């Protein structure tokens, strides 16, 4: 049966979205395998199994592709955080473990590659930094919604978020570079759980 004209734009939009996702996933794989300095649009096209012309139809240059990749990584982190929070409810220990599992995935390595490269690459920094600020604001808004008990103590909440991110992401980087003994992971996570428990507003002394 021949499709109606009303269906065609929808099918085309779906196909376009699938191709964009394919290119973003390919970018993540190349970043993980080769690092930012060796990630090029021709490499990404090959990794995605597409011609460079087909890739340029969706992303007209490398900057737009990297920006879309960063946005995709941020969206994945937000979705993962929401799922983890909804599963763990008020169990902050479970929240720590779930987030730790999340940053063991290739997406974290890819984002770390971009963050490090942005320090000495002003063009990349110009793309990354505004998206980082936007992500931080959205993350904090989501966290307050999912953990309303923290609303009574915003300073403790900000401290808990900073300690959690710095500890776990720093530990993940140290494991990648061999700067940390893997045997220390469990004791550090347990110490972090204890810190977060102590910071919870309802656990503060009257």
Protein backbone atom coordinates (compact mmCIF):
# COMPACT_ATOMS: atom_id res chain seq x y z
CA UNK A 1 0.00 0.00 0.00
CA UNK A 2 1.32 3.43 -0.91
CA UNK A 3 1.97 5.72 2.04
CA UNK A 4 0.01 8.92 2.29
CA UNK A 5 1.75 12.27 2.08
CA UNK A 6 1.06 12.85 5.78
CA UNK A 7 3.13 9.76 6.69
CA UNK A 8 6.19 10.60 4.60
CA UNK A 9 7.60 13.50 6.68
CA UNK A 10 7.23 11.41 9.84
CA UNK A 11 9.10 8.47 8.34
CA UNK A 12 11.80 10.80 7.00
CA UNK A 13 12.18 12.48 10.39
CA UNK A 14 12.51 9.08 12.06
CA UNK A 15 15.14 7.96 9.58
CA UNK A 16 17.05 11.21 10.06
CA UNK A 17 16.95 10.85 13.86
CA UNK A 18 18.21 7.28 13.60
CA UNK A 19 21.10 8.36 11.37
CA UNK A 20 22.02 11.19 13.75
CA UNK A 21 21.99 8.77 16.68
CA UNK A 22 24.16 6.36 14.70
CA UNK A 23 26.70 9.12 14.07
CA UNK A 24 26.71 10.22 17.72
CA UNK A 25 27.23 6.64 18.90
CA UNK A 26 30.08 6.31 16.40
CA UNK A 27 31.62 9.54 17.73
CA UNK A 28 31.56 8.14 21.27
CA UNK A 29 33.26 4.94 20.16
CA UNK A 30 36.00 6.85 18.30
CA UNK A 31 36.55 9.17 21.29
CA UNK A 32 36.96 6.18 23.60
CA UNK A 33 39.26 4.33 21.23
CA UNK A 34 41.36 7.17 19.82
CA UNK A 35 40.92 10.22 22.07
CA UNK A 36 39.71 13.67 21.08
CA UNK A 37 42.84 14.73 19.17
CA UNK A 38 42.48 11.78 16.80
CA UNK A 39 38.72 11.95 16.37
CA UNK A 40 37.89 13.29 12.90
CA UNK A 41 34.72 13.46 10.86
CA UNK A 42 36.04 10.98 8.26
CA UNK A 43 36.82 8.51 11.06
CA UNK A 44 33.35 8.93 12.51
CA UNK A 45 31.73 8.40 9.10
CA UNK A 46 33.70 5.18 8.61
CA UNK A 47 32.82 4.01 12.13
CA UNK A 48 29.13 4.68 11.46
CA UNK A 49 29.27 2.91 8.09
CA UNK A 50 28.27 6.05 6.20
CA UNK A 51 29.83 8.19 3.51
CA UNK A 52 31.27 11.54 4.58
CA UNK A 53 28.68 13.21 2.37
CA UNK A 54 25.87 11.44 4.19
CA UNK A 55 27.35 12.52 7.51
CA UNK A 56 27.62 16.16 6.38
CA UNK A 57 23.93 16.06 5.49
CA UNK A 58 23.20 15.73 9.22
CA UNK A 59 26.18 17.57 10.73
CA UNK A 60 27.75 20.23 8.56
CA UNK A 61 31.04 20.23 10.49
CA UNK A 62 32.90 18.62 13.34
CA UNK A 63 31.84 21.29 15.83
CA UNK A 64 28.14 20.60 15.34
CA UNK A 65 28.77 16.86 15.70
CA UNK A 66 30.73 17.30 18.93
CA UNK A 67 28.07 19.66 20.32
CA UNK A 68 25.35 17.11 19.57
CA UNK A 69 27.47 14.39 21.18
CA UNK A 70 27.96 16.41 24.37
CA UNK A 71 24.22 17.13 24.55
CA UNK A 72 23.51 13.43 24.04
CA UNK A 73 25.93 12.47 26.83
CA UNK A 74 24.32 14.97 29.19
CA UNK A 75 20.84 13.67 28.40
CA UNK A 76 22.00 10.11 29.08
CA UNK A 77 23.42 11.16 32.45
CA UNK A 78 20.16 12.88 33.41
CA UNK A 79 18.06 9.88 32.38
CA UNK A 80 20.35 7.51 34.26
CA UNK A 81 20.20 9.69 37.37
CA UNK A 82 16.40 9.81 37.25
CA UNK A 83 16.13 6.03 36.83
CA UNK A 84 18.59 5.43 39.65
CA UNK A 85 16.84 7.83 42.00
CA UNK A 86 13.41 6.38 41.27
CA UNK A 87 14.66 2.85 41.92
CA UNK A 88 16.58 3.66 45.08
CA UNK A 89 13.98 6.04 46.60
CA UNK A 90 15.52 7.37 49.83
CA UNK A 91 18.35 4.83 49.89
CA UNK A 92 21.35 7.08 49.25
CA UNK A 93 23.71 4.11 49.43
CA UNK A 94 21.93 2.56 46.45
CA UNK A 95 22.12 5.92 44.68
CA UNK A 96 25.91 5.96 45.13
CA UNK A 97 26.26 2.43 43.76
CA UNK A 98 24.02 3.11 40.79
CA UNK A 99 25.89 6.27 39.81
CA UNK A 100 29.21 4.48 40.22
CA UNK A 101 28.05 1.80 37.76
CA UNK A 102 26.98 4.52 35.34
CA UNK A 103 30.41 6.14 35.18
CA UNK A 104 32.08 2.83 34.39
CA UNK A 105 30.50 2.96 30.94
CA UNK A 106 32.18 4.20 27.71
CA UNK A 107 30.07 7.37 27.74
CA UNK A 108 31.96 8.62 30.79
CA UNK A 109 35.32 7.99 29.12
CA UNK A 110 34.15 9.88 26.04
CA UNK A 111 33.00 12.84 28.09
CA UNK A 112 36.24 12.86 30.08
CA UNK A 113 38.19 13.00 26.81
CA UNK A 114 36.20 16.07 25.77
CA UNK A 115 36.53 17.77 29.17
CA UNK A 116 40.31 17.35 29.28
CA UNK A 117 40.75 18.49 25.67
CA UNK A 118 38.67 21.62 26.32
CA UNK A 119 41.29 22.88 28.77
CA UNK A 120 43.68 23.71 25.93
CA UNK A 121 41.26 23.91 23.00
CA UNK A 122 39.33 27.21 23.07
CA UNK A 123 36.97 26.15 20.27
CA UNK A 124 35.96 23.03 22.15
CA UNK A 125 35.75 24.96 25.43
CA UNK A 126 33.37 27.44 23.80
CA UNK A 127 31.04 24.53 23.02
CA UNK A 128 31.51 22.50 26.20
CA UNK A 129 31.42 25.11 28.96
CA UNK A 130 27.93 26.58 28.30
CA UNK A 131 26.53 23.05 28.02
CA UNK A 132 28.21 22.14 31.30
CA UNK A 133 26.54 25.07 33.06
CA UNK A 134 23.17 24.10 31.57
CA UNK A 135 23.65 20.48 32.59
CA UNK A 136 24.61 21.41 36.16
CA UNK A 137 21.50 23.55 36.55
CA UNK A 138 19.23 20.85 35.14
CA UNK A 139 20.89 18.16 37.26
CA UNK A 140 20.44 20.16 40.46
CA UNK A 141 16.80 20.92 39.63
CA UNK A 142 16.13 17.25 38.99
CA UNK A 143 17.92 16.18 42.16
CA UNK A 144 15.85 18.53 44.30
CA UNK A 145 12.66 17.16 42.73
CA UNK A 146 13.71 13.56 43.34
CA UNK A 147 15.06 14.19 46.85
CA UNK A 148 12.71 16.84 48.34
CA UNK A 149 14.07 16.31 51.86
CA UNK A 150 17.17 18.27 50.80
CA UNK A 151 15.15 21.41 50.03
CA UNK A 152 15.29 22.44 53.67
CA UNK A 153 19.08 22.57 53.53
CA UNK A 154 20.32 23.83 50.14
CA UNK A 155 23.89 24.32 51.36
CA UNK A 156 24.11 20.71 52.54
CA UNK A 157 22.58 19.59 49.27
CA UNK A 158 25.15 21.49 47.19
CA UNK A 159 27.93 20.03 49.32
CA UNK A 160 26.55 16.49 48.98
CA UNK A 161 26.33 16.84 45.19
CA UNK A 162 29.87 18.23 44.93
CA UNK A 163 31.36 15.54 47.18
CA UNK A 164 29.55 12.76 45.31
CA UNK A 165 30.59 13.93 41.85
CA UNK A 166 34.17 14.79 42.75
CA UNK A 167 34.72 11.55 44.64
CA UNK A 168 33.24 9.10 42.16
CA UNK A 169 34.30 10.78 38.92
CA UNK A 170 37.77 11.44 40.32
CA UNK A 171 38.04 7.81 41.37
CA UNK A 172 36.92 6.67 37.90
CA UNK A 173 39.62 8.80 36.26
CA UNK A 174 42.28 7.52 38.66
CA UNK A 175 41.33 3.93 37.85
CA UNK A 176 41.61 4.68 34.13
CA UNK A 177 45.11 6.12 34.56
CA UNK A 178 46.36 3.54 37.05
CA UNK A 179 46.67 6.14 39.82
CA UNK A 180 44.42 4.20 42.20
CA UNK A 181 44.36 0.63 43.48
CA UNK A 182 41.08 -1.00 42.50
CA UNK A 183 40.96 -2.56 45.95
CA UNK A 184 40.22 0.86 47.42
CA UNK A 185 37.00 1.36 45.44
CA UNK A 186 34.72 -0.37 47.92
CA UNK A 187 36.13 1.39 51.03
CA UNK A 188 35.88 4.78 49.31
CA UNK A 189 32.26 4.17 48.25
CA UNK A 190 31.38 3.11 51.80
CA UNK A 191 33.04 6.26 53.18
CA UNK A 192 31.08 8.36 50.69
CA UNK A 193 27.80 6.75 51.77
CA UNK A 194 28.63 7.62 55.39
CA UNK A 195 29.34 11.24 54.45
CA UNK A 196 26.08 11.62 52.55
CA UNK A 197 24.12 10.06 55.39
CA UNK A 198 25.64 12.57 57.83
CA UNK A 199 24.73 15.49 55.55
CA UNK A 200 21.07 14.57 55.18
CA UNK A 201 18.91 17.29 56.80
CA UNK A 202 16.93 14.85 58.95
CA UNK A 203 20.18 13.46 60.35
CA UNK A 204 21.45 16.86 61.51
CA UNK A 205 21.39 17.52 65.28
CA UNK A 206 18.58 19.78 66.46
